[in-house]
Amino acid sequence: MRKVVAATFLSLDGVMQAPGGPDEDPTGGFTLGGWTVNYWDDVMREAMAEIFSEPFELLLGRKTYDIFAAHWPYVGEDHPIGSLFNSVTKYVATRSAEPLTWQNSVAIKGDVTAAVKKLKHGDGPVLLLQGSGDLIQTLLAADLIDEFRLLIFPLLLGRGKRLFGKGALPAALKLTGSKVSTTGVTINTYAREGEIKTGSFAAQEPSAAEIERRARMAREG
């Protein structure tokens, strides 16, 4: 079975909107686009290279697809990420009638959840989510994301589209990798680990054996 992996830039208060530039996604009056730009260092570049080092296919929402399609095909064949993104298959959740003109693009129309389930049960590499906040909410609600690779930036944005929004379901996660950049960005990988196990710090009622032990100690002085 294939894994669905969400690799996401995230503010400390959970916002993922428009990390790359002022005009990337101003919807909802968001004015802080480009908030990741001043934090990049070699540690982060190595982390991104690691994400793209294993075979993958892209799983994108239409808005992210259009942003990528307006940039990556034009960066030149010698650009490592550009050439990689151009060559891989790109599955795009879309309601638009506009054609997908970027090479190796496949439209997903209708029931996105069913389509992604079918992809997961087929053969192939990791399905890598980039951006695509609305699509992520749909997949979270259907419990279809297996792993999160989160680059968490040391800033608060206050408003904007959040990774764990209305689609998130309760789930336990396991931290499987972590490092920190020189600029304070934490780079964490989380895998799913079943259901949440709850407990209580409230005082527990003593067992019958414990009551008897305490009584015996009291009798013996």
N, C-alpha and C. Protein backbone atom coordinates (compact mmCIF):
# COMPACT_ATOMS: atom_id res chain seq x y z
N MET A 1 0.84 -1.20 0.00
CA MET A 1 0.00 0.00 0.00
C MET A 1 0.88 1.25 0.00
N ARG A 2 0.47 2.24 -0.75
CA ARG A 2 1.23 3.49 -0.82
C ARG A 2 0.89 4.39 0.37
N LYS A 3 1.87 5.19 0.79
CA LYS A 3 1.65 6.15 1.86
C LYS A 3 1.29 7.52 1.27
N VAL A 4 0.42 8.23 1.98
CA VAL A 4 0.18 9.64 1.70
C VAL A 4 0.94 10.45 2.74
N VAL A 5 1.84 11.31 2.28
CA VAL A 5 2.70 12.08 3.16
C VAL A 5 2.45 13.57 2.93
N ALA A 6 2.15 14.30 4.00
CA ALA A 6 1.97 15.75 3.92
C ALA A 6 3.25 16.43 4.39
N ALA A 7 3.95 17.10 3.47
CA ALA A 7 5.16 17.85 3.80
C ALA A 7 4.78 19.34 3.76
N THR A 8 4.83 19.99 4.92
CA THR A 8 4.19 21.30 5.06
C THR A 8 5.04 22.27 5.85
N PHE A 9 5.09 23.52 5.38
CA PHE A 9 5.65 24.62 6.16
C PHE A 9 4.55 25.13 7.08
N LEU A 10 4.91 25.37 8.35
CA LEU A 10 3.89 25.66 9.35
C LEU A 10 4.40 26.73 10.32
N SER A 11 3.56 27.70 10.63
CA SER A 11 3.90 28.65 11.70
C SER A 11 3.67 27.97 13.05
N LEU A 12 4.18 28.58 14.11
CA LEU A 12 4.04 27.98 15.44
C LEU A 12 2.58 27.88 15.85
N ASP A 13 1.73 28.76 15.34
CA ASP A 13 0.30 28.68 15.66
C ASP A 13 -0.48 27.93 14.58
N GLY A 14 0.21 27.15 13.77
CA GLY A 14 -0.46 26.19 12.89
C GLY A 14 -0.90 26.66 11.53
N VAL A 15 -0.48 27.87 11.11
CA VAL A 15 -0.90 28.40 9.81
C VAL A 15 0.03 27.90 8.71
N MET A 16 -0.54 27.51 7.57
CA MET A 16 0.25 27.03 6.44
C MET A 16 0.06 27.88 5.19
N GLN A 17 -0.69 28.95 5.27
CA GLN A 17 -1.07 29.73 4.10
C GLN A 17 0.09 30.56 3.55
N ALA A 18 0.28 30.52 2.25
CA ALA A 18 1.18 31.40 1.50
C ALA A 18 2.58 31.51 2.11
N PRO A 19 3.29 30.39 2.27
CA PRO A 19 4.63 30.48 2.85
C PRO A 19 5.67 31.07 1.91
N GLY A 20 5.41 31.05 0.58
CA GLY A 20 6.47 31.35 -0.36
C GLY A 20 6.52 32.75 -0.94
N GLY A 21 5.45 33.55 -0.80
CA GLY A 21 5.47 34.87 -1.40
C GLY A 21 4.21 35.66 -1.12
N PRO A 22 4.27 37.00 -1.23
CA PRO A 22 3.13 37.87 -0.90
C PRO A 22 1.88 37.60 -1.72
N ASP A 23 2.05 37.18 -2.98
CA ASP A 23 0.90 36.99 -3.86
C ASP A 23 0.48 35.53 -4.00
N GLU A 24 1.08 34.66 -3.22
CA GLU A 24 0.82 33.23 -3.37
C GLU A 24 -0.63 32.87 -3.07
N ASP A 25 -1.16 33.38 -1.96
CA ASP A 25 -2.55 33.07 -1.59
C ASP A 25 -3.05 34.13 -0.62
N PRO A 26 -3.58 35.25 -1.14
CA PRO A 26 -4.07 36.32 -0.26
C PRO A 26 -5.52 36.16 0.18
N THR A 27 -6.12 34.99 -0.10
CA THR A 27 -7.54 34.81 0.23
C THR A 27 -7.77 35.02 1.72
N GLY A 28 -8.98 35.54 2.04
CA GLY A 28 -9.32 35.81 3.43
C GLY A 28 -8.61 37.04 3.98
N GLY A 29 -8.01 37.85 3.09
CA GLY A 29 -7.30 39.04 3.53
C GLY A 29 -5.94 38.76 4.14
N PHE A 30 -5.35 37.60 3.82
CA PHE A 30 -4.04 37.25 4.38
C PHE A 30 -2.96 38.13 3.76
N THR A 31 -2.18 38.82 4.60
CA THR A 31 -1.22 39.82 4.13
C THR A 31 0.23 39.46 4.45
N LEU A 32 0.47 38.28 4.98
CA LEU A 32 1.82 37.93 5.44
C LEU A 32 2.48 36.85 4.58
N GLY A 33 2.06 36.75 3.33
CA GLY A 33 2.64 35.76 2.44
C GLY A 33 4.15 35.94 2.29
N GLY A 34 4.86 34.82 2.26
CA GLY A 34 6.31 34.85 2.16
C GLY A 34 7.02 34.78 3.50
N TRP A 35 6.32 34.29 4.53
CA TRP A 35 6.85 34.30 5.89
C TRP A 35 7.98 33.31 6.14
N THR A 36 8.24 32.40 5.21
CA THR A 36 9.34 31.44 5.40
C THR A 36 10.67 31.93 4.84
N VAL A 37 10.63 32.93 3.98
CA VAL A 37 11.77 33.25 3.12
C VAL A 37 13.05 33.54 3.89
N ASN A 38 12.96 34.25 5.00
CA ASN A 38 14.15 34.69 5.72
C ASN A 38 14.71 33.66 6.70
N TYR A 39 14.19 32.45 6.68
CA TYR A 39 14.62 31.43 7.64
C TYR A 39 15.44 30.30 7.00
N TRP A 40 15.66 30.34 5.70
CA TRP A 40 16.29 29.21 5.03
C TRP A 40 17.78 29.14 5.34
N ASP A 41 18.27 27.92 5.57
CA ASP A 41 19.69 27.67 5.77
C ASP A 41 20.03 26.30 5.21
N ASP A 42 21.27 25.87 5.38
CA ASP A 42 21.69 24.58 4.82
C ASP A 42 20.95 23.41 5.44
N VAL A 43 20.62 23.50 6.72
CA VAL A 43 19.90 22.41 7.39
C VAL A 43 18.54 22.21 6.73
N MET A 44 17.84 23.30 6.44
CA MET A 44 16.53 23.20 5.80
C MET A 44 16.64 22.70 4.37
N ARG A 45 17.65 23.17 3.66
CA ARG A 45 17.84 22.69 2.29
C ARG A 45 18.13 21.19 2.27
N GLU A 46 18.91 20.73 3.23
CA GLU A 46 19.19 19.29 3.31
C GLU A 46 17.92 18.50 3.66
N ALA A 47 17.09 19.07 4.54
CA ALA A 47 15.84 18.40 4.91
C ALA A 47 14.91 18.28 3.71
N MET A 48 14.82 19.32 2.90
CA MET A 48 13.98 19.27 1.71
C MET A 48 14.54 18.29 0.69
N ALA A 49 15.86 18.27 0.56
CA ALA A 49 16.48 17.31 -0.36
C ALA A 49 16.18 15.88 0.07
N GLU A 50 16.15 15.65 1.39
CA GLU A 50 15.84 14.32 1.90
C GLU A 50 14.40 13.92 1.57
N ILE A 51 13.47 14.87 1.70
CA ILE A 51 12.07 14.60 1.36
C ILE A 51 11.93 14.17 -0.09
N PHE A 52 12.67 14.84 -0.97
CA PHE A 52 12.55 14.57 -2.40
C PHE A 52 13.50 13.48 -2.89
N SER A 53 14.28 12.88 -1.98
CA SER A 53 15.26 11.89 -2.40
C SER A 53 14.64 10.52 -2.67
N GLU A 54 13.52 10.20 -2.02
CA GLU A 54 12.86 8.93 -2.26
C GLU A 54 11.83 9.09 -3.37
N PRO A 55 11.54 8.03 -4.11
CA PRO A 55 10.56 8.13 -5.20
C PRO A 55 9.20 8.63 -4.68
N PHE A 56 8.57 9.50 -5.44
CA PHE A 56 7.27 10.03 -5.03
C PHE A 56 6.50 10.48 -6.26
N GLU A 57 5.19 10.63 -6.08
CA GLU A 57 4.33 11.33 -7.02
C GLU A 57 3.62 12.42 -6.24
N LEU A 58 3.31 13.52 -6.90
CA LEU A 58 2.70 14.65 -6.23
C LEU A 58 1.18 14.50 -6.18
N LEU A 59 0.61 14.91 -5.05
CA LEU A 59 -0.84 14.94 -4.86
C LEU A 59 -1.18 16.37 -4.48
N LEU A 60 -1.91 17.08 -5.35
CA LEU A 60 -2.07 18.52 -5.21
C LEU A 60 -3.53 18.95 -5.35
N GLY A 61 -3.87 20.03 -4.65
CA GLY A 61 -5.11 20.73 -4.92
C GLY A 61 -4.91 21.65 -6.12
N ARG A 62 -6.00 22.13 -6.70
CA ARG A 62 -5.89 22.90 -7.94
C ARG A 62 -5.15 24.22 -7.74
N LYS A 63 -5.36 24.89 -6.61
CA LYS A 63 -4.71 26.18 -6.40
C LYS A 63 -3.20 26.01 -6.31
N THR A 64 -2.75 25.02 -5.54
CA THR A 64 -1.31 24.77 -5.45
C THR A 64 -0.76 24.33 -6.79
N TYR A 65 -1.50 23.50 -7.50
CA TYR A 65 -1.07 23.07 -8.82
C TYR A 65 -0.83 24.27 -9.74
N ASP A 66 -1.77 25.20 -9.76
CA ASP A 66 -1.63 26.36 -10.65
C ASP A 66 -0.42 27.21 -10.27
N ILE A 67 -0.14 27.34 -8.95
CA ILE A 67 1.05 28.07 -8.50
C ILE A 67 2.32 27.37 -8.97
N PHE A 68 2.36 26.06 -8.79
CA PHE A 68 3.53 25.29 -9.20
C PHE A 68 3.70 25.32 -10.73
N ALA A 69 2.59 25.17 -11.45
CA ALA A 69 2.64 25.10 -12.91
C ALA A 69 3.08 26.42 -13.53
N ALA A 70 2.89 27.51 -12.79
CA ALA A 70 3.32 28.82 -13.29
C ALA A 70 4.80 29.07 -13.00
N HIS A 71 5.43 28.17 -12.23
CA HIS A 71 6.82 28.40 -11.84
C HIS A 71 7.78 27.30 -12.29
N TRP A 72 7.52 26.06 -11.85
CA TRP A 72 8.52 25.01 -12.01
C TRP A 72 8.87 24.65 -13.45
N PRO A 73 7.94 24.68 -14.39
CA PRO A 73 8.32 24.34 -15.77
C PRO A 73 9.30 25.32 -16.40
N TYR A 74 9.51 26.48 -15.76
CA TYR A 74 10.29 27.54 -16.39
C TYR A 74 11.62 27.83 -15.68
N VAL A 75 12.00 26.98 -14.73
CA VAL A 75 13.23 27.26 -13.97
C VAL A 75 14.48 26.70 -14.65
N GLY A 76 14.31 25.91 -15.69
CA GLY A 76 15.44 25.35 -16.40
C GLY A 76 15.70 23.90 -16.03
N GLU A 77 16.21 23.13 -16.97
CA GLU A 77 16.41 21.71 -16.76
C GLU A 77 17.49 21.39 -15.73
N ASP A 78 18.37 22.37 -15.46
CA ASP A 78 19.44 22.11 -14.50
C ASP A 78 19.02 22.36 -13.06
N HIS A 79 17.78 22.83 -12.85
CA HIS A 79 17.28 23.04 -11.49
C HIS A 79 16.82 21.69 -10.94
N PRO A 80 17.41 21.21 -9.81
CA PRO A 80 17.11 19.84 -9.36
C PRO A 80 15.65 19.62 -9.00
N ILE A 81 15.02 20.57 -8.30
CA ILE A 81 13.62 20.38 -7.93
C ILE A 81 12.72 20.58 -9.14
N GLY A 82 13.02 21.57 -9.95
CA GLY A 82 12.21 21.82 -11.14
C GLY A 82 12.18 20.62 -12.07
N SER A 83 13.33 20.05 -12.35
CA SER A 83 13.38 18.89 -13.25
C SER A 83 12.66 17.69 -12.65
N LEU A 84 12.76 17.56 -11.32
CA LEU A 84 12.08 16.45 -10.64
C LEU A 84 10.57 16.63 -10.68
N PHE A 85 10.09 17.82 -10.33
CA PHE A 85 8.66 18.08 -10.35
C PHE A 85 8.08 17.96 -11.75
N ASN A 86 8.85 18.36 -12.75
CA ASN A 86 8.37 18.25 -14.12
C ASN A 86 8.20 16.79 -14.55
N SER A 87 9.07 15.92 -14.05
CA SER A 87 9.08 14.54 -14.52
C SER A 87 8.09 13.63 -13.81
N VAL A 88 7.76 13.92 -12.53
CA VAL A 88 6.91 13.01 -11.77
C VAL A 88 5.44 13.17 -12.18
N THR A 89 4.64 12.15 -11.89
CA THR A 89 3.20 12.24 -12.09
C THR A 89 2.60 13.14 -11.03
N LYS A 90 1.67 13.99 -11.47
CA LYS A 90 1.01 14.94 -10.57
C LYS A 90 -0.49 14.66 -10.60
N TYR A 91 -1.05 14.19 -9.48
CA TYR A 91 -2.49 13.97 -9.36
C TYR A 91 -3.11 15.23 -8.78
N VAL A 92 -4.11 15.76 -9.46
CA VAL A 92 -4.64 17.08 -9.12
C VAL A 92 -6.14 17.00 -8.85
N ALA A 93 -6.54 17.31 -7.62
CA ALA A 93 -7.95 17.38 -7.27
C ALA A 93 -8.50 18.70 -7.80
N THR A 94 -9.45 18.63 -8.71
CA THR A 94 -9.92 19.85 -9.35
C THR A 94 -11.39 19.73 -9.74
N ARG A 95 -12.09 20.87 -9.65
CA ARG A 95 -13.46 20.96 -10.15
C ARG A 95 -13.51 21.78 -11.44
N SER A 96 -12.38 22.35 -11.81
CA SER A 96 -12.31 23.26 -12.94
C SER A 96 -12.35 22.50 -14.27
N ALA A 97 -12.94 23.15 -15.27
CA ALA A 97 -12.94 22.59 -16.61
C ALA A 97 -11.67 22.96 -17.38
N GLU A 98 -10.87 23.85 -16.81
CA GLU A 98 -9.62 24.25 -17.45
C GLU A 98 -8.66 23.07 -17.50
N PRO A 99 -8.01 22.83 -18.62
CA PRO A 99 -7.12 21.67 -18.74
C PRO A 99 -5.87 21.82 -17.88
N LEU A 100 -5.27 20.68 -17.56
CA LEU A 100 -4.01 20.65 -16.84
C LEU A 100 -2.89 20.60 -17.88
N THR A 101 -2.16 21.69 -18.04
CA THR A 101 -1.20 21.80 -19.14
C THR A 101 0.21 21.38 -18.75
N TRP A 102 0.49 21.25 -17.46
CA TRP A 102 1.82 20.83 -17.03
C TRP A 102 2.00 19.35 -17.34
N GLN A 103 3.13 18.98 -17.87
CA GLN A 103 3.36 17.60 -18.28
C GLN A 103 3.15 16.62 -17.13
N ASN A 104 2.68 15.43 -17.47
CA ASN A 104 2.47 14.33 -16.51
C ASN A 104 1.45 14.66 -15.42
N SER A 105 0.43 15.44 -15.79
CA SER A 105 -0.63 15.80 -14.84
C SER A 105 -1.88 14.98 -15.09
N VAL A 106 -2.49 14.51 -14.00
CA VAL A 106 -3.69 13.69 -14.08
C VAL A 106 -4.77 14.31 -13.20
N ALA A 107 -5.92 14.60 -13.76
CA ALA A 107 -7.01 15.23 -13.01
C ALA A 107 -7.77 14.21 -12.18
N ILE A 108 -8.08 14.60 -10.93
CA ILE A 108 -8.97 13.83 -10.08
C ILE A 108 -10.25 14.64 -9.95
N LYS A 109 -11.33 14.14 -10.47
CA LYS A 109 -12.62 14.83 -10.41
C LYS A 109 -13.62 13.96 -9.64
N GLY A 110 -14.68 14.60 -9.15
CA GLY A 110 -15.69 13.83 -8.44
C GLY A 110 -15.27 13.53 -7.02
N ASP A 111 -15.38 12.28 -6.62
CA ASP A 111 -15.13 11.86 -5.24
C ASP A 111 -13.62 11.74 -5.01
N VAL A 112 -13.03 12.79 -4.44
CA VAL A 112 -11.58 12.82 -4.22
C VAL A 112 -11.16 11.74 -3.23
N THR A 113 -11.95 11.56 -2.18
CA THR A 113 -11.62 10.56 -1.16
C THR A 113 -11.52 9.17 -1.77
N ALA A 114 -12.50 8.80 -2.58
CA ALA A 114 -12.48 7.48 -3.22
C ALA A 114 -11.29 7.34 -4.16
N ALA A 115 -10.97 8.41 -4.87
CA ALA A 115 -9.85 8.36 -5.81
C ALA A 115 -8.53 8.17 -5.09
N VAL A 116 -8.34 8.88 -3.98
CA VAL A 116 -7.09 8.75 -3.23
C VAL A 116 -7.00 7.38 -2.57
N LYS A 117 -8.11 6.85 -2.07
CA LYS A 117 -8.11 5.49 -1.53
C LYS A 117 -7.67 4.49 -2.59
N LYS A 118 -8.15 4.67 -3.81
CA LYS A 118 -7.79 3.77 -4.90
C LYS A 118 -6.29 3.88 -5.21
N LEU A 119 -5.78 5.11 -5.22
CA LEU A 119 -4.35 5.32 -5.47
C LEU A 119 -3.52 4.66 -4.37
N LYS A 120 -3.95 4.80 -3.12
CA LYS A 120 -3.21 4.22 -1.99
C LYS A 120 -3.13 2.71 -2.10
N HIS A 121 -4.16 2.09 -2.59
CA HIS A 121 -4.20 0.63 -2.67
C HIS A 121 -3.53 0.09 -3.94
N GLY A 122 -3.06 0.99 -4.79
CA GLY A 122 -2.37 0.56 -5.99
C GLY A 122 -0.86 0.50 -5.79
N ASP A 123 -0.16 0.24 -6.87
CA ASP A 123 1.29 0.18 -6.83
C ASP A 123 1.86 1.56 -7.14
N GLY A 124 3.03 1.82 -6.59
CA GLY A 124 3.68 3.08 -6.88
C GLY A 124 4.37 3.66 -5.67
N PRO A 125 5.02 4.81 -5.84
CA PRO A 125 5.77 5.44 -4.75
C PRO A 125 4.86 6.24 -3.83
N VAL A 126 5.47 6.90 -2.87
CA VAL A 126 4.76 7.78 -1.93
C VAL A 126 3.96 8.83 -2.69
N LEU A 127 2.78 9.15 -2.18
CA LEU A 127 1.97 10.26 -2.68
C LEU A 127 2.25 11.46 -1.80
N LEU A 128 2.95 12.44 -2.33
CA LEU A 128 3.47 13.56 -1.54
C LEU A 128 2.58 14.79 -1.71
N LEU A 129 1.98 15.23 -0.61
CA LEU A 129 1.19 16.45 -0.58
C LEU A 129 2.10 17.65 -0.35
N GLN A 130 1.94 18.66 -1.20
CA GLN A 130 2.63 19.93 -1.02
C GLN A 130 1.57 21.03 -1.02
N GLY A 131 1.61 21.92 -0.01
CA GLY A 131 0.58 22.95 0.06
C GLY A 131 -0.80 22.30 0.12
N SER A 132 -1.72 22.80 -0.74
CA SER A 132 -3.02 22.13 -0.94
C SER A 132 -3.83 22.03 0.35
N GLY A 133 -4.02 23.16 1.03
CA GLY A 133 -4.68 23.17 2.32
C GLY A 133 -6.09 22.61 2.31
N ASP A 134 -6.89 22.93 1.29
CA ASP A 134 -8.26 22.42 1.23
C ASP A 134 -8.27 20.91 1.01
N LEU A 135 -7.39 20.43 0.14
CA LEU A 135 -7.30 18.99 -0.10
C LEU A 135 -6.87 18.27 1.17
N ILE A 136 -5.95 18.85 1.90
CA ILE A 136 -5.50 18.24 3.16
C ILE A 136 -6.67 18.07 4.13
N GLN A 137 -7.55 19.07 4.22
CA GLN A 137 -8.70 18.95 5.12
C GLN A 137 -9.59 17.78 4.72
N THR A 138 -9.78 17.60 3.43
CA THR A 138 -10.60 16.48 2.94
C THR A 138 -9.96 15.15 3.31
N LEU A 139 -8.64 15.05 3.14
CA LEU A 139 -7.95 13.79 3.41
C LEU A 139 -7.82 13.54 4.90
N LEU A 140 -7.67 14.59 5.71
CA LEU A 140 -7.67 14.42 7.16
C LEU A 140 -9.00 13.86 7.64
N ALA A 141 -10.09 14.42 7.11
CA ALA A 141 -11.42 13.98 7.53
C ALA A 141 -11.68 12.53 7.16
N ALA A 142 -11.01 12.05 6.10
CA ALA A 142 -11.17 10.66 5.68
C ALA A 142 -10.08 9.76 6.25
N ASP A 143 -9.21 10.33 7.10
CA ASP A 143 -8.14 9.56 7.76
C ASP A 143 -7.22 8.90 6.73
N LEU A 144 -6.79 9.67 5.74
CA LEU A 144 -6.00 9.12 4.64
C LEU A 144 -4.55 9.59 4.63
N ILE A 145 -4.14 10.43 5.58
CA ILE A 145 -2.75 10.89 5.63
C ILE A 145 -1.98 10.04 6.63
N ASP A 146 -0.92 9.41 6.16
CA ASP A 146 -0.15 8.47 6.98
C ASP A 146 1.00 9.11 7.73
N GLU A 147 1.54 10.19 7.20
CA GLU A 147 2.75 10.77 7.78
C GLU A 147 2.77 12.27 7.55
N PHE A 148 3.30 13.00 8.53
CA PHE A 148 3.45 14.45 8.43
C PHE A 148 4.92 14.81 8.55
N ARG A 149 5.41 15.57 7.59
CA ARG A 149 6.77 16.11 7.67
C ARG A 149 6.63 17.62 7.76
N LEU A 150 6.81 18.12 8.97
CA LEU A 150 6.46 19.50 9.28
C LEU A 150 7.71 20.33 9.55
N LEU A 151 7.83 21.44 8.83
CA LEU A 151 8.86 22.43 9.11
C LEU A 151 8.16 23.57 9.85
N ILE A 152 8.41 23.66 11.15
CA ILE A 152 7.67 24.57 12.02
C ILE A 152 8.54 25.80 12.29
N PHE A 153 8.06 26.96 11.86
CA PHE A 153 8.83 28.20 11.92
C PHE A 153 8.52 28.96 13.22
N PRO A 154 9.53 29.62 13.79
CA PRO A 154 9.35 30.29 15.09
C PRO A 154 8.70 31.66 14.94
N LEU A 155 7.44 31.65 14.53
CA LEU A 155 6.68 32.89 14.40
C LEU A 155 5.20 32.60 14.54
N LEU A 156 4.44 33.63 14.88
CA LEU A 156 2.98 33.54 15.02
C LEU A 156 2.35 34.40 13.93
N LEU A 157 1.43 33.83 13.17
CA LEU A 157 0.77 34.57 12.10
C LEU A 157 -0.62 35.06 12.51
N GLY A 158 -1.20 34.43 13.52
CA GLY A 158 -2.45 34.94 14.07
C GLY A 158 -3.69 34.55 13.30
N ARG A 159 -3.63 34.56 11.99
CA ARG A 159 -4.77 34.20 11.16
C ARG A 159 -4.26 33.54 9.89
N GLY A 160 -5.15 32.85 9.21
CA GLY A 160 -4.78 32.18 7.97
C GLY A 160 -5.23 30.73 7.98
N LYS A 161 -5.03 30.06 6.86
CA LYS A 161 -5.44 28.66 6.72
C LYS A 161 -4.53 27.77 7.55
N ARG A 162 -5.15 26.89 8.34
CA ARG A 162 -4.39 26.04 9.24
C ARG A 162 -4.31 24.60 8.73
N LEU A 163 -3.18 23.97 9.04
CA LEU A 163 -3.01 22.57 8.63
C LEU A 163 -4.05 21.70 9.30
N PHE A 164 -4.15 21.78 10.62
CA PHE A 164 -5.11 20.96 11.34
C PHE A 164 -6.35 21.79 11.62
N GLY A 165 -7.17 21.88 10.60
CA GLY A 165 -8.39 22.67 10.68
C GLY A 165 -9.59 21.79 10.92
N LYS A 166 -10.68 22.10 10.23
CA LYS A 166 -11.95 21.43 10.49
C LYS A 166 -11.93 19.96 10.09
N GLY A 167 -10.97 19.55 9.26
CA GLY A 167 -10.93 18.16 8.82
C GLY A 167 -10.23 17.22 9.77
N ALA A 168 -9.50 17.76 10.76
CA ALA A 168 -8.67 16.90 11.61
C ALA A 168 -9.50 16.00 12.51
N LEU A 169 -9.09 14.74 12.61
CA LEU A 169 -9.70 13.77 13.51
C LEU A 169 -8.71 13.44 14.63
N PRO A 170 -9.20 13.04 15.82
CA PRO A 170 -8.29 12.65 16.90
C PRO A 170 -7.42 11.47 16.46
N ALA A 171 -6.12 11.55 16.72
CA ALA A 171 -5.20 10.47 16.35
C ALA A 171 -3.91 10.64 17.12
N ALA A 172 -3.30 9.53 17.52
CA ALA A 172 -1.99 9.56 18.15
C ALA A 172 -0.92 9.56 17.06
N LEU A 173 0.17 10.28 17.32
CA LEU A 173 1.28 10.35 16.39
C LEU A 173 2.57 9.96 17.09
N LYS A 174 3.52 9.46 16.32
CA LYS A 174 4.83 9.10 16.85
C LYS A 174 5.89 9.93 16.14
N LEU A 175 6.73 10.61 16.92
CA LEU A 175 7.83 11.39 16.36
C LEU A 175 8.93 10.43 15.91
N THR A 176 9.22 10.40 14.62
CA THR A 176 10.20 9.46 14.08
C THR A 176 11.49 10.13 13.62
N GLY A 177 11.51 11.46 13.64
CA GLY A 177 12.72 12.18 13.27
C GLY A 177 12.58 13.65 13.61
N SER A 178 13.69 14.28 14.04
CA SER A 178 13.62 15.69 14.41
C SER A 178 15.00 16.32 14.32
N LYS A 179 15.04 17.54 13.81
CA LYS A 179 16.27 18.34 13.81
C LYS A 179 15.88 19.81 13.85
N VAL A 180 16.84 20.67 14.14
CA VAL A 180 16.58 22.10 14.27
C VAL A 180 17.56 22.86 13.38
N SER A 181 17.04 23.82 12.61
CA SER A 181 17.90 24.62 11.75
C SER A 181 18.61 25.70 12.57
N THR A 182 19.58 26.36 11.96
CA THR A 182 20.30 27.44 12.65
C THR A 182 19.40 28.65 12.88
N THR A 183 18.26 28.72 12.18
CA THR A 183 17.34 29.84 12.33
C THR A 183 16.16 29.51 13.25
N GLY A 184 16.21 28.34 13.88
CA GLY A 184 15.16 27.98 14.84
C GLY A 184 13.98 27.24 14.27
N VAL A 185 14.06 26.81 13.03
CA VAL A 185 12.98 26.02 12.43
C VAL A 185 13.15 24.57 12.89
N THR A 186 12.10 24.00 13.47
CA THR A 186 12.14 22.58 13.84
C THR A 186 11.57 21.75 12.69
N ILE A 187 12.28 20.69 12.36
CA ILE A 187 11.94 19.85 11.21
C ILE A 187 11.59 18.47 11.76
N ASN A 188 10.31 18.17 11.83
CA ASN A 188 9.83 16.97 12.51
C ASN A 188 9.06 16.06 11.56
N THR A 189 9.24 14.76 11.76
CA THR A 189 8.47 13.76 11.03
C THR A 189 7.62 12.97 12.01
N TYR A 190 6.32 12.89 11.72
CA TYR A 190 5.38 12.18 12.58
C TYR A 190 4.67 11.10 11.78
N ALA A 191 4.62 9.89 12.34
CA ALA A 191 3.88 8.79 11.74
C ALA A 191 2.64 8.51 12.58
N ARG A 192 1.61 7.97 11.97
CA ARG A 192 0.40 7.62 12.70
C ARG A 192 0.67 6.47 13.66
N GLU A 193 0.07 6.54 14.85
CA GLU A 193 0.27 5.49 15.85
C GLU A 193 -1.05 5.17 16.56
N GLY A 194 -2.07 4.92 15.78
CA GLY A 194 -3.33 4.43 16.33
C GLY A 194 -4.16 5.50 17.02
N GLU A 195 -4.96 5.05 17.97
CA GLU A 195 -5.89 5.94 18.66
C GLU A 195 -5.24 6.60 19.87
N ILE A 196 -5.84 7.68 20.32
CA ILE A 196 -5.36 8.37 21.52
C ILE A 196 -5.75 7.56 22.76
N LYS A 197 -4.79 7.39 23.66
CA LYS A 197 -5.05 6.69 24.92
C LYS A 197 -5.11 7.73 26.02
N THR A 198 -6.24 7.81 26.68
CA THR A 198 -6.42 8.81 27.72
C THR A 198 -6.15 8.22 29.10
N GLY A 199 -5.99 9.10 30.06
CA GLY A 199 -5.76 8.70 31.44
C GLY A 199 -6.14 9.84 32.36
N SER A 200 -5.75 9.73 33.63
CA SER A 200 -6.09 10.76 34.59
C SER A 200 -5.00 10.84 35.65
N PHE A 201 -4.69 12.08 36.07
CA PHE A 201 -3.77 12.29 37.18
C PHE A 201 -4.50 12.39 38.51
N ALA A 202 -5.82 12.27 38.47
CA ALA A 202 -6.60 12.31 39.71
C ALA A 202 -6.22 11.13 40.60
N ALA A 203 -6.37 11.33 41.93
CA ALA A 203 -6.04 10.26 42.89
C ALA A 203 -6.88 9.02 42.61
N GLN A 204 -6.23 7.88 42.59
CA GLN A 204 -6.92 6.63 42.32
C GLN A 204 -7.43 6.01 43.62
N GLU A 205 -8.61 5.40 43.54
CA GLU A 205 -9.12 4.69 44.71
C GLU A 205 -8.22 3.50 45.02
N PRO A 206 -7.84 3.30 46.28
CA PRO A 206 -6.96 2.17 46.60
C PRO A 206 -7.69 0.84 46.40
N SER A 207 -6.90 -0.17 46.01
CA SER A 207 -7.46 -1.51 45.84
C SER A 207 -7.76 -2.13 47.20
N ALA A 208 -8.51 -3.23 47.20
CA ALA A 208 -8.82 -3.94 48.45
C ALA A 208 -7.55 -4.39 49.15
N ALA A 209 -6.58 -4.85 48.36
CA ALA A 209 -5.31 -5.31 48.95
C ALA A 209 -4.58 -4.15 49.61
N GLU A 210 -4.64 -2.98 48.97
CA GLU A 210 -3.95 -1.81 49.55
C GLU A 210 -4.65 -1.36 50.83
N ILE A 211 -5.98 -1.42 50.86
CA ILE A 211 -6.72 -1.05 52.08
C ILE A 211 -6.34 -1.99 53.22
N GLU A 212 -6.26 -3.28 52.92
CA GLU A 212 -5.87 -4.26 53.93
C GLU A 212 -4.45 -4.02 54.41
N ARG A 213 -3.55 -3.68 53.51
CA ARG A 213 -2.15 -3.43 53.89
C ARG A 213 -2.05 -2.23 54.83
N ARG A 214 -2.80 -1.17 54.51
CA ARG A 214 -2.76 0.03 55.34
C ARG A 214 -3.35 -0.26 56.72
N ALA A 215 -4.44 -1.06 56.75
CA ALA A 215 -5.07 -1.40 58.04
C ALA A 215 -4.12 -2.22 58.90
N ARG A 216 -3.41 -3.16 58.30
CA ARG A 216 -2.46 -4.01 59.04
C ARG A 216 -1.33 -3.17 59.63
N MET A 217 -0.84 -2.21 58.82
CA MET A 217 0.23 -1.34 59.30
C MET A 217 -0.24 -0.48 60.47
N ALA A 218 -1.52 -0.04 60.39
CA ALA A 218 -2.06 0.77 61.48
C ALA A 218 -2.20 -0.06 62.75
N ARG A 219 -2.62 -1.32 62.63
CA ARG A 219 -2.78 -2.18 63.80
C ARG A 219 -1.44 -2.48 64.46
N GLU A 220 -0.43 -2.62 63.59
CA GLU A 220 0.88 -2.98 64.11
C GLU A 220 1.64 -1.77 64.65
N GLY A 221 1.03 -0.65 64.51
CA GLY A 221 1.60 0.56 65.11
C GLY A 221 2.74 1.15 64.37
